Amino acid sequence: MKKVLLLGASGSIGSQTIDVLLKHKGKFDLVGVSAGNRVENIENLIKNFANLNYFCFKNEKDYDEFLLRHPEKQAYFGDEGLIKIIEDSNADMVVNALIGFVGFLPSIKALKLDKILCLANKESLVVGGEIVNSLLKNGHAKLYPIDSEHVAIAKCLYNKKIEDIDKILITASGGPFFLLDKEKFNDITPEDALKHPTWTMGKKITIDSSTMMNKCFEIIEAHYLFNVPASKIKPIVDRKSHVHSMVIFKNRDIYLQVGPSDMRIPISYALFEGKPDNGKYFEDVEINTYGKYEFYPMDYEKFPLINYGYFVLKKGGNSGAVLNASNEVLVNAFLNHKIKYLDINKIIDKIMSTYAFIKNPSVEDLVKTDKEVRKLTEELIEKGK
């Protein structure tokens, strides 16, 4: 039985991971969780998982209140707490469902401790893909993605050779604005951008899906996960989100992975380390329910941020950290009505062209870059006002 530590238990991926763990109690033992601002489900988790003894909270107030109720449990708080819970919980497997740069250092710690890392935190690879792969190469840790697109690619590549790949096509729904005239983009509100056509996700990733920054990140991830050059990775639009990605091989075979828009499927893939669970957990899907497959080319003019995926992979260094930090701050500002939708593009362009480049950054360099870029982005937002 695998002992599991779940980081980000209160988010969308975290809650669906709990669904899967509950269905497979004989195979997994949840020993620790971290929770952000939504801590109301912690008591239910304690009731459902007998060996759940390690807890990390975002806020010190929640930590204090929890220890008053459960002095027998081991608890932590803040970013340092995320590192401590990985060190102390003795978990075999760490599910990193944290959102944003906050998930980067926990991924590094899990890999250094030779854990099985089930990774939903895109930023870990966007910011530090080279460091992550170096740790995997030199240690005994394993990494499995929790992402419908990358799990789809992995399934298409089963028993295949990387050198036989001609193209990896990462599918995108196109988001809520694929058919909207670009002239109307400046009038887009946060409420508009949160109406994703096919997936139900957290606010941050939903905004990233509307700008295609999410797809930009997935291009970077695919490079580091599968060791495929950027030139062979392309986005393509499937408005129904039935095809989760596809691979075209040099012999012209095309492999597609098709399925419902259900994140429990890639979560299960990661938890079972790429092996099928052989259970009747998911409903059978009739093939004729999918209808005709229709794909559309990505509109790079309408969604220019996707080009930064190729920029980051070409330039390397700390450029991924710069891109991620500025985007995180800008998405939050947009959600809080502090900037316009197109300001996300404009300010990212400015920061990416001016911030100091570090060719071979250390983990400490990336942390410093993140802090400085956040401050710079906030200053540009205030200046724009």
Protein backbone atom coordinates (compact mmCIF):
# COMPACT_ATOMS: atom_id res chain seq x y z
CA MET A 1 0.00 0.00 0.00
CA LYS A 2 1.41 3.38 -1.05
CA LYS A 3 1.51 6.13 1.58
CA VAL A 4 0.33 9.36 -0.09
CA LEU A 5 0.92 13.02 0.76
CA LEU A 6 -1.50 15.34 -1.03
CA LEU A 7 -0.44 18.98 -1.43
CA GLY A 8 -3.32 21.24 -2.42
CA ALA A 9 -6.12 19.06 -1.06
CA SER A 10 -8.70 21.86 -1.09
CA GLY A 11 -8.35 22.70 -4.79
CA SER A 12 -10.03 21.18 -7.84
CA ILE A 13 -7.33 18.58 -8.55
CA GLY A 14 -6.92 17.89 -4.85
CA SER A 15 -10.60 17.17 -4.26
CA GLN A 16 -10.73 14.86 -7.28
CA THR A 17 -7.59 13.09 -6.07
CA ILE A 18 -9.42 12.41 -2.81
CA ASP A 19 -12.27 10.88 -4.84
CA VAL A 20 -9.83 8.47 -6.45
CA LEU A 21 -8.10 7.62 -3.15
CA LEU A 22 -11.47 6.85 -1.54
CA LYS A 23 -12.27 4.45 -4.37
CA HIS A 24 -8.95 2.64 -3.89
CA LYS A 25 -8.45 2.55 -0.12
CA GLY A 26 -6.85 -0.87 -0.33
CA LYS A 27 -4.06 0.45 -2.52
CA PHE A 28 -3.40 3.93 -1.10
CA ASP A 29 -3.12 5.32 2.43
CA LEU A 30 -3.48 9.10 2.74
CA VAL A 31 -1.05 10.14 5.48
CA GLY A 32 -0.82 13.91 4.95
CA VAL A 33 -2.48 16.89 3.29
CA SER A 34 -1.95 20.58 2.78
CA ALA A 35 -4.87 22.99 2.46
CA GLY A 36 -5.09 26.60 1.32
CA ASN A 37 -7.87 28.98 2.25
CA ARG A 38 -10.63 26.33 2.10
CA VAL A 39 -10.11 24.17 5.17
CA GLU A 40 -13.72 23.19 5.87
CA ASN A 41 -13.27 19.64 4.54
CA ILE A 42 -10.37 18.73 6.82
CA GLU A 43 -12.58 17.12 9.46
CA ASN A 44 -14.23 14.88 6.85
CA LEU A 45 -10.81 13.80 5.63
CA ILE A 46 -9.82 12.81 9.17
CA LYS A 47 -12.98 10.69 9.43
CA ASN A 48 -12.37 9.02 6.06
CA PHE A 49 -8.62 8.31 6.35
CA ALA A 50 -7.57 6.64 9.60
CA ASN A 51 -3.83 7.27 9.17
CA LEU A 52 -4.07 10.94 8.18
CA ASN A 53 -1.77 12.55 10.75
CA TYR A 54 0.17 15.31 8.94
CA PHE A 55 -1.38 18.65 8.02
CA CYS A 56 -0.09 21.87 6.53
CA PHE A 57 -2.11 25.08 6.36
CA LYS A 58 -1.57 28.19 4.33
CA ASN A 59 -2.51 30.49 7.23
CA GLU A 60 -1.17 30.44 10.79
CA LYS A 61 -4.69 31.12 12.11
CA ASP A 62 -6.00 27.86 10.62
CA TYR A 63 -2.95 26.04 11.98
CA ASP A 64 -3.59 27.36 15.52
CA GLU A 65 -7.29 26.48 15.42
CA PHE A 66 -6.57 22.99 14.08
CA LEU A 67 -4.08 22.18 16.85
CA LEU A 68 -6.63 23.24 19.47
CA ARG A 69 -8.99 20.60 18.06
CA HIS A 70 -6.34 17.99 17.29
CA PRO A 71 -3.29 18.31 19.55
CA GLU A 72 -2.43 14.68 18.70
CA LYS A 73 -1.80 15.52 15.05
CA GLN A 74 1.37 16.94 13.46
CA ALA A 75 0.71 20.32 11.85
CA TYR A 76 2.64 23.02 9.95
CA PHE A 77 1.86 26.24 8.12
CA GLY A 78 3.18 28.43 5.33
CA ASP A 79 5.68 27.69 2.58
CA GLU A 80 8.20 26.29 5.06
CA GLY A 81 5.50 23.95 6.32
CA LEU A 82 5.14 22.46 2.84
CA ILE A 83 8.79 21.43 2.93
CA LYS A 84 8.56 20.09 6.49
CA ILE A 85 5.51 17.94 5.80
CA ILE A 86 7.35 16.29 2.87
CA GLU A 87 10.33 15.61 5.13
CA ASP A 88 8.35 14.30 8.13
CA SER A 89 5.35 12.43 6.72
CA ASN A 90 7.40 9.51 5.34
CA ALA A 91 5.10 9.29 2.31
CA ASP A 92 6.05 7.13 -0.66
CA MET A 93 4.16 9.35 -3.08
CA VAL A 94 3.67 13.14 -3.18
CA VAL A 95 0.75 14.48 -5.20
CA ASN A 96 1.60 18.11 -5.97
CA ALA A 97 -1.71 19.80 -6.80
CA LEU A 98 -0.56 23.24 -5.66
CA ILE A 99 -1.19 26.18 -7.96
CA GLY A 100 1.61 28.52 -8.94
CA PHE A 101 5.24 28.98 -7.99
CA VAL A 102 4.45 27.87 -4.42
CA GLY A 103 4.54 24.31 -5.78
CA PHE A 104 8.08 24.53 -7.20
CA LEU A 105 10.15 24.05 -4.05
CA PRO A 106 7.95 21.17 -2.78
CA SER A 107 8.54 19.39 -6.10
CA ILE A 108 12.29 19.86 -5.75
CA LYS A 109 12.20 18.58 -2.16
CA ALA A 110 10.14 15.51 -3.12
CA LEU A 111 12.56 14.63 -5.91
CA LYS A 112 15.61 15.13 -3.69
CA LEU A 113 14.05 12.69 -1.21
CA ASP A 114 13.47 10.16 -4.02
CA LYS A 115 9.68 10.23 -3.75
CA ILE A 116 7.21 9.29 -6.47
CA LEU A 117 6.00 12.72 -7.62
CA CYS A 118 2.54 12.94 -9.19
CA LEU A 119 2.71 16.41 -10.69
CA ALA A 120 -0.24 18.65 -11.41
CA ASN A 121 1.81 21.77 -10.65
CA LYS A 122 2.76 23.00 -14.14
CA GLU A 123 5.01 25.69 -12.76
CA SER A 124 7.54 23.16 -11.45
CA LEU A 125 8.57 22.32 -15.01
CA VAL A 126 7.96 25.78 -16.50
CA VAL A 127 10.24 27.39 -13.91
CA GLY A 128 12.80 24.65 -13.35
CA GLY A 129 12.50 21.90 -15.94
CA GLU A 130 16.27 21.50 -16.28
CA ILE A 131 16.70 21.14 -12.51
CA VAL A 132 13.79 18.70 -12.25
CA ASN A 133 15.20 16.47 -15.00
CA SER A 134 18.67 16.58 -13.49
CA LEU A 135 17.28 15.33 -10.17
CA LEU A 136 15.36 12.56 -11.94
CA LYS A 137 18.48 11.52 -13.84
CA ASN A 138 20.76 11.47 -10.81
CA GLY A 139 18.38 10.07 -8.18
CA HIS A 140 15.77 7.36 -7.64
CA ALA A 141 12.69 9.58 -7.76
CA LYS A 142 9.94 9.13 -10.34
CA LEU A 143 7.66 11.70 -11.93
CA TYR A 144 4.19 11.12 -13.40
CA PRO A 145 2.17 14.02 -14.84
CA ILE A 146 -1.39 14.80 -13.77
CA ASP A 147 -2.54 16.61 -16.86
CA SER A 148 -5.00 15.31 -19.42
CA GLU A 149 -2.79 16.35 -22.34
CA HIS A 150 0.47 14.89 -21.08
CA VAL A 151 -1.11 11.68 -19.84
CA ALA A 152 -2.68 11.38 -23.30
CA ILE A 153 0.75 11.82 -24.92
CA ALA A 154 2.29 9.24 -22.58
CA LYS A 155 -0.41 6.73 -23.51
CA CYS A 156 0.15 7.37 -27.23
CA LEU A 157 3.88 6.80 -26.74
CA TYR A 158 3.47 3.47 -24.91
CA ASN A 159 6.04 1.02 -26.34
CA LYS A 160 7.10 3.65 -28.89
CA LYS A 161 10.48 5.30 -29.42
CA ILE A 162 10.91 9.04 -28.98
CA GLU A 163 13.07 9.20 -32.10
CA ASP A 164 10.13 7.89 -34.18
CA ILE A 165 8.00 10.95 -33.36
CA ASP A 166 7.26 13.43 -36.11
CA LYS A 167 4.89 15.72 -34.17
CA ILE A 168 3.19 15.92 -30.79
CA LEU A 169 -0.12 17.76 -31.11
CA ILE A 170 -1.36 19.16 -27.80
CA THR A 171 -5.09 19.79 -28.00
CA ALA A 172 -6.78 22.90 -26.65
CA SER A 173 -10.47 23.67 -26.36
CA GLY A 174 -9.76 27.16 -27.64
CA GLY A 175 -11.26 28.59 -24.46
CA PRO A 176 -14.25 30.93 -24.34
CA PHE A 177 -12.83 33.44 -26.86
CA PHE A 178 -11.70 31.29 -29.77
CA LEU A 179 -14.52 32.65 -31.96
CA LEU A 180 -14.58 36.16 -30.49
CA ASP A 181 -13.28 39.02 -32.65
CA LYS A 182 -9.93 40.23 -31.39
CA GLU A 183 -11.25 43.82 -31.46
CA LYS A 184 -13.55 42.87 -28.57
CA PHE A 185 -10.84 41.44 -26.33
CA ASN A 186 -10.33 44.66 -24.39
CA ASP A 187 -13.93 44.45 -23.17
CA ILE A 188 -13.51 40.96 -21.71
CA THR A 189 -14.36 40.77 -18.01
CA PRO A 190 -13.16 38.20 -15.45
CA GLU A 191 -16.66 36.77 -15.44
CA ASP A 192 -16.46 36.25 -19.21
CA ALA A 193 -13.05 34.59 -18.99
CA LEU A 194 -14.16 32.17 -16.26
CA LYS A 195 -16.75 30.56 -18.54
CA HIS A 196 -14.68 27.70 -19.89
CA PRO A 197 -16.56 25.75 -22.57
CA THR A 198 -15.63 22.18 -21.57
CA TRP A 199 -13.71 21.92 -18.28
CA THR A 200 -14.48 22.90 -14.68
CA MET A 201 -11.26 24.15 -13.08
CA GLY A 202 -9.92 26.66 -10.58
CA LYS A 203 -9.98 30.37 -11.41
CA LYS A 204 -6.29 30.80 -12.18
CA ILE A 205 -6.00 27.93 -14.65
CA THR A 206 -9.32 28.94 -16.25
CA ILE A 207 -7.98 32.42 -17.00
CA ASP A 208 -4.76 30.84 -18.32
CA SER A 209 -6.89 28.67 -20.60
CA SER A 210 -8.64 31.74 -21.97
CA THR A 211 -5.33 33.49 -22.82
CA MET A 212 -3.71 30.20 -23.96
CA MET A 213 -0.96 30.67 -21.38
CA ASN A 214 -2.02 27.24 -20.15
CA LYS A 215 -1.15 25.78 -23.55
CA CYS A 216 2.13 27.74 -23.55
CA PHE A 217 3.02 26.04 -20.26
CA GLU A 218 2.01 22.63 -21.63
CA ILE A 219 4.40 23.00 -24.57
CA ILE A 220 7.23 23.61 -22.07
CA GLU A 221 6.10 20.67 -19.94
CA ALA A 222 5.94 18.32 -22.92
CA HIS A 223 9.52 19.14 -23.84
CA TYR A 224 10.81 18.25 -20.37
CA LEU A 225 8.53 15.25 -19.84
CA PHE A 226 9.22 13.52 -23.16
CA ASN A 227 12.60 14.96 -24.22
CA VAL A 228 11.14 16.15 -27.52
CA PRO A 229 12.41 19.35 -29.20
CA ALA A 230 10.08 22.33 -29.20
CA SER A 231 9.90 22.26 -33.00
CA LYS A 232 8.02 18.95 -32.81
CA ILE A 233 5.40 20.17 -30.31
CA LYS A 234 2.37 22.04 -31.66
CA PRO A 235 -1.01 23.09 -30.28
CA ILE A 236 -4.23 22.23 -32.10
CA VAL A 237 -7.83 23.08 -31.23
CA ASP A 238 -10.52 20.49 -30.46
CA ARG A 239 -13.56 22.50 -29.40
CA LYS A 240 -15.23 19.49 -27.75
CA SER A 241 -12.17 18.48 -25.69
CA HIS A 242 -12.71 14.82 -26.60
CA VAL A 243 -9.20 14.27 -28.00
CA HIS A 244 -6.76 15.02 -25.20
CA SER A 245 -3.68 14.98 -27.44
CA MET A 246 -2.21 13.04 -30.33
CA VAL A 247 1.12 11.90 -31.71
CA ILE A 248 2.06 11.67 -35.38
CA PHE A 249 4.92 9.25 -36.08
CA LYS A 250 7.41 9.38 -38.93
CA ASN A 251 5.74 6.38 -40.57
CA ARG A 252 2.57 8.58 -40.68
CA ASP A 253 0.70 6.60 -38.02
CA ILE A 254 -1.46 8.91 -35.91
CA TYR A 255 -2.32 7.94 -32.34
CA LEU A 256 -5.10 9.81 -30.53
CA GLN A 257 -6.15 9.49 -26.92
CA VAL A 258 -9.89 10.04 -26.58
CA GLY A 259 -12.05 10.27 -23.48
CA PRO A 260 -14.40 12.33 -21.34
CA SER A 261 -13.36 15.62 -19.72
CA ASP A 262 -12.72 14.01 -16.33
CA MET A 263 -9.52 14.80 -14.44
CA ARG A 264 -9.88 11.67 -12.30
CA ILE A 265 -8.60 9.73 -15.32
CA PRO A 266 -5.14 11.38 -15.46
CA ILE A 267 -5.04 11.45 -11.64
CA SER A 268 -5.54 7.67 -11.62
CA TYR A 269 -2.88 7.28 -14.30
CA ALA A 270 -0.33 9.08 -12.08
CA LEU A 271 -1.32 7.34 -8.84
CA PHE A 272 -1.03 3.93 -10.48
CA GLU A 273 2.32 4.98 -11.99
CA GLY A 274 1.19 4.70 -15.59
CA LYS A 275 -0.52 1.35 -15.13
CA PRO A 276 -4.28 0.77 -15.57
CA ASP A 277 -6.23 0.27 -12.32
CA ASN A 278 -8.37 -2.43 -14.00
CA GLY A 279 -11.39 -1.29 -12.02
CA LYS A 280 -14.91 -0.27 -13.00
CA TYR A 281 -14.39 3.18 -11.53
CA PHE A 282 -15.32 5.08 -14.68
CA GLU A 283 -18.46 4.63 -16.69
CA ASP A 284 -18.08 2.92 -20.05
CA VAL A 285 -18.26 5.38 -22.92
CA GLU A 286 -19.93 4.50 -26.20
CA ILE A 287 -17.66 5.36 -29.11
CA ASN A 288 -20.50 6.87 -31.16
CA THR A 289 -21.20 9.49 -28.50
CA TYR A 290 -18.17 11.45 -29.65
CA GLY A 291 -19.34 12.11 -33.18
CA LYS A 292 -17.02 13.61 -35.76
CA TYR A 293 -13.57 14.86 -34.78
CA GLU A 294 -12.96 18.44 -35.91
CA PHE A 295 -9.65 20.19 -35.41
CA TYR A 296 -8.75 23.83 -35.99
CA PRO A 297 -5.36 25.54 -36.23
CA MET A 298 -4.25 27.64 -33.30
CA ASP A 299 -4.73 31.38 -33.81
CA TYR A 300 -1.34 32.78 -32.77
CA GLU A 301 -2.35 36.34 -33.62
CA LYS A 302 -5.35 36.23 -31.34
CA PHE A 303 -3.49 34.32 -28.60
CA PRO A 304 0.14 35.50 -28.85
CA LEU A 305 1.12 34.36 -25.34
CA ILE A 306 1.38 30.79 -26.57
CA ASN A 307 4.56 31.79 -28.45
CA TYR A 308 6.34 32.22 -25.13
CA GLY A 309 6.40 28.43 -24.82
CA TYR A 310 8.88 28.33 -27.69
CA PHE A 311 10.69 31.44 -26.46
CA VAL A 312 11.32 29.92 -23.02
CA LEU A 313 12.53 26.61 -24.45
CA LYS A 314 14.92 28.40 -26.82
CA LYS A 315 16.29 30.86 -24.28
CA GLY A 316 16.24 28.63 -21.20
CA GLY A 317 17.77 29.91 -17.98
CA ASN A 318 15.40 31.83 -15.72
CA SER A 319 13.05 32.88 -18.54
CA GLY A 320 10.36 30.41 -17.45
CA ALA A 321 10.46 31.82 -13.93
CA VAL A 322 10.09 35.35 -15.31
CA LEU A 323 7.13 34.36 -17.47
CA ASN A 324 5.37 32.49 -14.70
CA ALA A 325 5.83 35.14 -12.00
CA SER A 326 4.54 37.98 -14.16
CA ASN A 327 1.60 35.90 -15.35
CA GLU A 328 0.59 34.87 -11.82
CA VAL A 329 0.49 38.47 -10.62
CA LEU A 330 -1.34 39.68 -13.73
CA VAL A 331 -4.00 36.97 -13.63
CA ASN A 332 -4.69 37.81 -10.01
CA ALA A 333 -4.87 41.53 -10.87
CA PHE A 334 -7.29 40.83 -13.72
CA LEU A 335 -9.51 38.69 -11.50
CA ASN A 336 -9.64 41.59 -9.06
CA HIS A 337 -10.53 44.10 -11.80
CA LYS A 338 -7.23 45.98 -11.45
CA ILE A 339 -6.23 45.62 -15.10
CA LYS A 340 -7.83 44.98 -18.48
CA TYR A 341 -7.67 41.59 -20.19
CA LEU A 342 -5.16 42.73 -22.83
CA ASP A 343 -2.94 44.25 -20.16
CA ILE A 344 -1.86 40.69 -19.34
CA ASN A 345 -0.22 40.44 -22.78
CA LYS A 346 1.21 43.95 -22.74
CA ILE A 347 2.90 43.77 -19.35
CA ILE A 348 4.27 40.25 -19.94
CA ASP A 349 5.81 41.47 -23.20
CA LYS A 350 7.50 44.34 -21.40
CA ILE A 351 8.88 42.22 -18.57
CA MET A 352 10.06 39.38 -20.80
CA SER A 353 12.04 41.83 -22.94
CA THR A 354 13.69 43.71 -20.08
CA TYR A 355 14.26 41.50 -17.01
CA ALA A 356 17.84 40.31 -16.39
CA PHE A 357 18.60 36.90 -17.88
CA ILE A 358 20.44 34.18 -15.91
CA LYS A 359 21.79 31.39 -18.12
CA ASN A 360 22.29 28.58 -15.57
CA PRO A 361 20.17 29.50 -12.56
CA SER A 362 20.28 27.68 -9.25
CA VAL A 363 17.12 27.02 -7.26
CA GLU A 364 18.00 30.10 -5.20
CA ASP A 365 18.34 32.18 -8.38
CA LEU A 366 14.86 31.09 -9.48
CA VAL A 367 13.37 31.99 -6.10
CA LYS A 368 15.02 35.42 -6.32
CA THR A 369 13.79 35.88 -9.90
CA ASP A 370 10.26 35.04 -8.84
CA LYS A 371 10.26 37.59 -6.01
CA GLU A 372 11.79 40.37 -8.10
CA VAL A 373 9.49 39.84 -11.10
CA ARG A 374 6.41 39.85 -8.87
CA LYS A 375 7.49 43.19 -7.42
CA LEU A 376 8.26 44.60 -10.88
CA THR A 377 4.89 43.44 -12.21
CA GLU A 378 3.04 45.07 -9.31
CA GLU A 379 4.92 48.31 -9.99
CA LEU A 380 3.93 48.26 -13.66
CA ILE A 381 0.30 47.63 -12.73
CA GLU A 382 0.35 50.64 -10.40
CA LYS A 383 2.10 52.76 -13.01
CA GLY A 384 -0.52 51.80 -15.56
CA LYS A 385 -3.27 53.07 -13.29
